[in-house]
Amino acid sequence: MNSTAISFDMMSGQNGDHLCNVDGDIRLHAAVVTPFRALQAAAAKAGLNIQIASGYRDYPRQLAIWNAKATGQRPLLDRHSNALNPAEMTETEILWAILRWSALPGCSRHHWGTDMDIWDQAAVPVNYPLQLTPDEYAPGGPFAPLSEWLQQHAASYGFGRPYAVDRGGVAPEPWHLSYQATAEQFEAKLDRAFVCKVSDNSQLALRDTVLAHLDEILDRFILPQPREKHG
């Protein structure tokens, strides 16, 4: 598949014809399955049991997450993961708080099937309550060895971590893995026209505020960031 074959519905998580089931109800882009299995097998030799917590996520699911945060049904967090009170915030402040932790519906990399959230099942007890928080992947955390291994080896299998470093937009997500060759085909179609079209939806909470800040949203939260450097 090349970028010209990627439709608006595929980009925005509204068409999953390019996906394959991996484990249970977890799906990935068909081109990502074999490289992921190779990465998984290599990690196993190092004593790591890589599992996917979240793969493809469709538009309705992302929209539900977004709207729940915009309407106070889900908690809002600041950059330090502390709870915010939306009653004391403007719509613009709520917008930035949501975007720190959740992608704009239609613009999530999870819509493409190229990206996934991963963890090391071998590092924790069977009933471990997975949180997907930075401290789990930081030195001393249960998934620190996984994070270190990815730093050294992920690129050899075509993977990178687009949110490994805090650049003032999306919060660091050391668990977020992307198959770069295929993801770049989707990235090539990310532009202002696409984001405007996918955001101009009456079902999207804070739609007017989103459209009013479209350029900043695009620059800070959507356009590809510099790649993580690997050792």
Protein backbone atom coordinates (compact mmCIF):
# COMPACT_ATOMS: atom_id res chain seq x y z
CA MET A 1 0.00 0.00 0.00
CA ASN A 2 1.19 3.51 -0.75
CA SER A 3 -0.12 6.81 0.54
CA THR A 4 -2.25 7.41 -2.55
CA ALA A 5 -4.24 4.23 -1.76
CA ILE A 6 -5.07 5.43 1.75
CA SER A 7 -8.62 6.74 1.88
CA PHE A 8 -10.06 9.37 4.19
CA ASP A 9 -11.99 6.65 6.04
CA MET A 10 -8.83 4.58 6.59
CA MET A 11 -6.96 7.65 7.85
CA SER A 12 -9.72 8.57 10.27
CA GLY A 13 -10.46 5.13 11.73
CA GLN A 14 -13.73 4.60 9.87
CA ASN A 15 -12.59 1.74 7.61
CA GLY A 16 -10.72 -1.31 8.90
CA ASP A 17 -10.41 -3.36 5.71
CA HIS A 18 -6.62 -3.17 5.92
CA LEU A 19 -6.46 -4.77 9.37
CA CYS A 20 -5.70 -8.26 10.65
CA ASN A 21 -6.50 -9.82 14.01
CA VAL A 22 -3.40 -10.38 16.15
CA ASP A 23 -4.53 -11.49 19.60
CA GLY A 24 -8.19 -11.72 20.59
CA ASP A 25 -9.91 -8.55 19.46
CA ILE A 26 -6.63 -6.65 18.94
CA ARG A 27 -6.05 -5.67 15.33
CA LEU A 28 -3.10 -4.23 13.44
CA HIS A 29 -2.42 -3.14 9.87
CA ALA A 30 -1.71 -6.24 7.77
CA ALA A 31 1.77 -4.95 6.96
CA VAL A 32 2.66 -4.64 10.64
CA VAL A 33 1.84 -8.14 11.87
CA THR A 34 4.98 -9.94 10.60
CA PRO A 35 7.43 -7.25 11.80
CA PHE A 36 5.70 -7.17 15.18
CA ARG A 37 5.98 -10.95 15.54
CA ALA A 38 9.70 -10.69 14.71
CA LEU A 39 10.15 -7.97 17.33
CA GLN A 40 8.19 -10.03 19.85
CA ALA A 41 10.32 -13.12 19.19
CA ALA A 42 13.56 -11.19 19.55
CA ALA A 43 12.40 -9.67 22.82
CA ALA A 44 11.46 -13.12 24.11
CA LYS A 45 15.10 -14.18 23.76
CA ALA A 46 15.91 -11.34 26.15
CA GLY A 47 13.31 -12.55 28.65
CA LEU A 48 10.66 -10.02 27.66
CA ASN A 49 7.09 -11.05 26.86
CA ILE A 50 5.78 -8.16 24.75
CA GLN A 51 2.00 -7.95 24.65
CA ILE A 52 -0.30 -5.39 23.06
CA ALA A 53 -2.56 -3.45 25.41
CA SER A 54 -4.16 -1.46 22.58
CA GLY A 55 -3.78 -1.69 18.81
CA TYR A 56 -6.22 -0.34 16.24
CA ARG A 57 -8.82 2.01 17.72
CA ASP A 58 -11.73 3.09 15.54
CA TYR A 59 -13.22 6.56 15.23
CA PRO A 60 -16.34 5.92 17.36
CA ARG A 61 -14.16 4.73 20.25
CA GLN A 62 -11.87 7.76 20.05
CA LEU A 63 -14.87 10.08 19.77
CA ALA A 64 -16.41 8.53 22.90
CA ILE A 65 -13.17 9.06 24.85
CA TRP A 66 -12.89 12.66 23.66
CA ASN A 67 -16.49 13.59 24.37
CA ALA A 68 -16.42 11.99 27.81
CA LYS A 69 -13.43 14.14 28.76
CA ALA A 70 -14.93 17.26 27.22
CA THR A 71 -18.16 16.84 29.18
CA GLY A 72 -16.65 15.87 32.53
CA GLN A 73 -17.57 12.20 32.38
CA ARG A 74 -13.88 11.26 32.38
CA PRO A 75 -11.22 12.99 34.46
CA LEU A 76 -9.04 15.72 33.02
CA LEU A 77 -5.35 15.69 34.01
CA ASP A 78 -2.65 18.31 33.92
CA ARG A 79 0.85 17.68 32.55
CA HIS A 80 1.84 16.09 35.88
CA SER A 81 -1.19 13.71 35.90
CA ASN A 82 -2.98 15.71 38.59
CA ALA A 83 -6.77 16.03 38.37
CA LEU A 84 -8.21 19.26 37.00
CA ASN A 85 -11.58 20.86 37.68
CA PRO A 86 -13.25 21.59 34.31
CA ALA A 87 -15.76 23.90 36.03
CA GLU A 88 -12.88 26.30 36.64
CA MET A 89 -11.51 26.12 33.08
CA THR A 90 -12.28 27.77 29.78
CA GLU A 91 -13.12 25.64 26.76
CA THR A 92 -9.67 26.38 25.35
CA GLU A 93 -7.99 25.21 28.56
CA ILE A 94 -10.09 22.04 28.47
CA LEU A 95 -9.05 21.50 24.86
CA TRP A 96 -5.32 21.63 25.68
CA ALA A 97 -5.81 19.36 28.69
CA ILE A 98 -7.57 16.72 26.59
CA LEU A 99 -5.00 16.87 23.79
CA ARG A 100 -2.16 16.35 26.25
CA TRP A 101 -3.40 12.79 26.87
CA SER A 102 -5.93 11.94 24.12
CA ALA A 103 -5.81 12.36 20.35
CA LEU A 104 -8.34 14.37 18.41
CA PRO A 105 -10.89 11.89 16.97
CA GLY A 106 -9.92 11.05 13.42
CA CYS A 107 -6.29 12.01 14.06
CA SER A 108 -5.15 9.23 16.39
CA ARG A 109 -2.25 7.13 15.14
CA HIS A 110 -4.17 4.17 16.53
CA HIS A 111 -6.67 4.65 13.70
CA TRP A 112 -4.06 3.47 11.21
CA GLY A 113 -3.30 0.07 12.73
CA THR A 114 0.40 0.92 12.55
CA ASP A 115 0.70 1.90 16.20
CA MET A 116 0.17 0.02 19.43
CA ASP A 117 0.62 0.30 23.20
CA ILE A 118 2.82 -2.47 24.55
CA TRP A 119 3.92 -3.89 27.91
CA ASP A 120 5.98 -6.78 29.27
CA GLN A 121 3.75 -9.51 30.65
CA ALA A 122 6.76 -11.34 32.12
CA ALA A 123 7.69 -8.40 34.34
CA VAL A 124 4.57 -8.33 36.51
CA PRO A 125 2.24 -10.71 38.38
CA VAL A 126 -0.70 -12.27 36.55
CA ASN A 127 -3.26 -9.90 38.09
CA TYR A 128 -1.16 -6.76 37.70
CA PRO A 129 -3.39 -3.69 37.05
CA LEU A 130 -1.75 -2.22 33.96
CA GLN A 131 -1.77 1.58 34.06
CA LEU A 132 0.37 2.64 31.10
CA THR A 133 2.02 5.45 33.00
CA PRO A 134 5.54 6.85 32.47
CA ASP A 135 6.75 5.69 35.88
CA GLU A 136 6.07 2.06 34.90
CA TYR A 137 8.66 2.45 32.11
CA ALA A 138 11.12 4.67 34.01
CA PRO A 139 14.14 3.33 35.92
CA GLY A 140 12.84 1.26 38.81
CA GLY A 141 9.52 0.60 37.12
CA PRO A 142 8.47 -2.91 36.07
CA PHE A 143 8.77 -2.13 32.36
CA ALA A 144 12.08 -0.25 32.50
CA PRO A 145 13.96 -3.23 30.98
CA LEU A 146 11.44 -3.29 28.12
CA SER A 147 11.92 0.43 27.51
CA GLU A 148 15.70 0.03 27.50
CA TRP A 149 15.51 -2.94 25.14
CA LEU A 150 13.29 -0.99 22.74
CA GLN A 151 15.72 1.91 22.83
CA GLN A 152 18.45 -0.43 21.61
CA HIS A 153 16.58 -2.77 19.27
CA ALA A 154 13.21 -1.43 18.08
CA ALA A 155 14.64 0.36 15.05
CA SER A 156 16.22 -2.88 13.82
CA TYR A 157 12.71 -4.21 13.29
CA GLY A 158 11.34 -1.01 11.78
CA PHE A 159 9.69 0.35 14.91
CA GLY A 160 9.99 3.66 16.73
CA ARG A 161 8.37 5.48 19.64
CA PRO A 162 6.86 8.77 18.41
CA TYR A 163 6.01 10.00 21.90
CA ALA A 164 9.11 8.92 23.79
CA VAL A 165 10.11 12.51 24.62
CA ASP A 166 8.04 15.41 25.94
CA ARG A 167 8.13 18.12 23.28
CA GLY A 168 5.37 20.24 24.79
CA GLY A 169 2.50 18.53 23.00
CA VAL A 170 1.42 14.97 23.61
CA ALA A 171 2.48 13.59 26.98
CA PRO A 172 5.38 11.10 26.86
CA GLU A 173 4.18 7.59 26.05
CA PRO A 174 7.14 5.19 26.26
CA TRP A 175 4.70 2.34 25.68
CA HIS A 176 3.57 3.67 22.28
CA LEU A 177 5.22 1.79 19.42
CA SER A 178 4.88 2.61 15.71
CA TYR A 179 5.85 0.65 12.61
CA GLN A 180 7.50 3.51 10.81
CA ALA A 181 7.52 2.45 7.15
CA THR A 182 3.75 2.03 7.07
CA ALA A 183 2.96 4.86 9.49
CA GLU A 184 4.88 7.27 7.28
CA GLN A 185 2.46 6.52 4.43
CA PHE A 186 -0.38 7.76 6.64
CA GLU A 187 1.68 10.67 7.95
CA ALA A 188 2.17 11.84 4.36
CA LYS A 189 -1.56 12.54 4.13
CA LEU A 190 -1.80 14.47 7.39
CA ASP A 191 -2.42 18.11 6.56
CA ARG A 192 -4.63 21.01 7.54
CA ALA A 193 -7.35 20.10 5.03
CA PHE A 194 -7.66 16.58 6.46
CA VAL A 195 -7.73 17.75 10.08
CA CYS A 196 -10.29 20.45 9.27
CA LYS A 197 -12.55 17.97 7.47
CA VAL A 198 -12.41 15.32 10.19
CA SER A 199 -12.95 17.90 12.96
CA ASP A 200 -15.94 19.62 11.34
CA ASN A 201 -18.32 17.10 12.86
CA SER A 202 -21.40 18.04 14.85
CA GLN A 203 -20.83 15.03 17.13
CA LEU A 204 -17.43 16.34 18.25
CA ALA A 205 -17.55 18.13 21.59
CA LEU A 206 -15.69 21.47 21.53
CA ARG A 207 -15.84 21.47 17.73
CA ASP A 208 -15.84 25.27 17.41
CA THR A 209 -12.90 25.59 19.79
CA VAL A 210 -11.00 22.90 17.89
CA LEU A 211 -11.55 24.64 14.57
CA ALA A 212 -10.52 27.99 16.04
CA HIS A 213 -7.16 26.54 17.14
CA LEU A 214 -6.60 24.19 14.23
CA ASP A 215 -3.12 25.37 13.23
CA GLU A 216 -1.70 25.13 16.74
CA ILE A 217 -3.31 21.71 17.24
CA LEU A 218 -1.75 20.54 13.99
CA ASP A 219 1.74 21.77 14.91
CA ARG A 220 1.78 20.67 18.55
CA PHE A 221 -0.22 17.46 18.59
CA ILE A 222 -0.66 15.94 15.13
CA LEU A 223 2.22 16.53 12.72
CA PRO A 224 5.05 13.97 13.06
CA GLN A 225 7.73 14.85 15.58
CA PRO A 226 11.49 14.19 15.24
CA ARG A 227 12.26 10.51 15.55
CA GLU A 228 13.56 8.96 18.74
CA LYS A 229 17.28 8.35 18.61
CA HIS A 230 18.36 4.75 19.14
CA GLY A 231 21.57 3.50 20.59
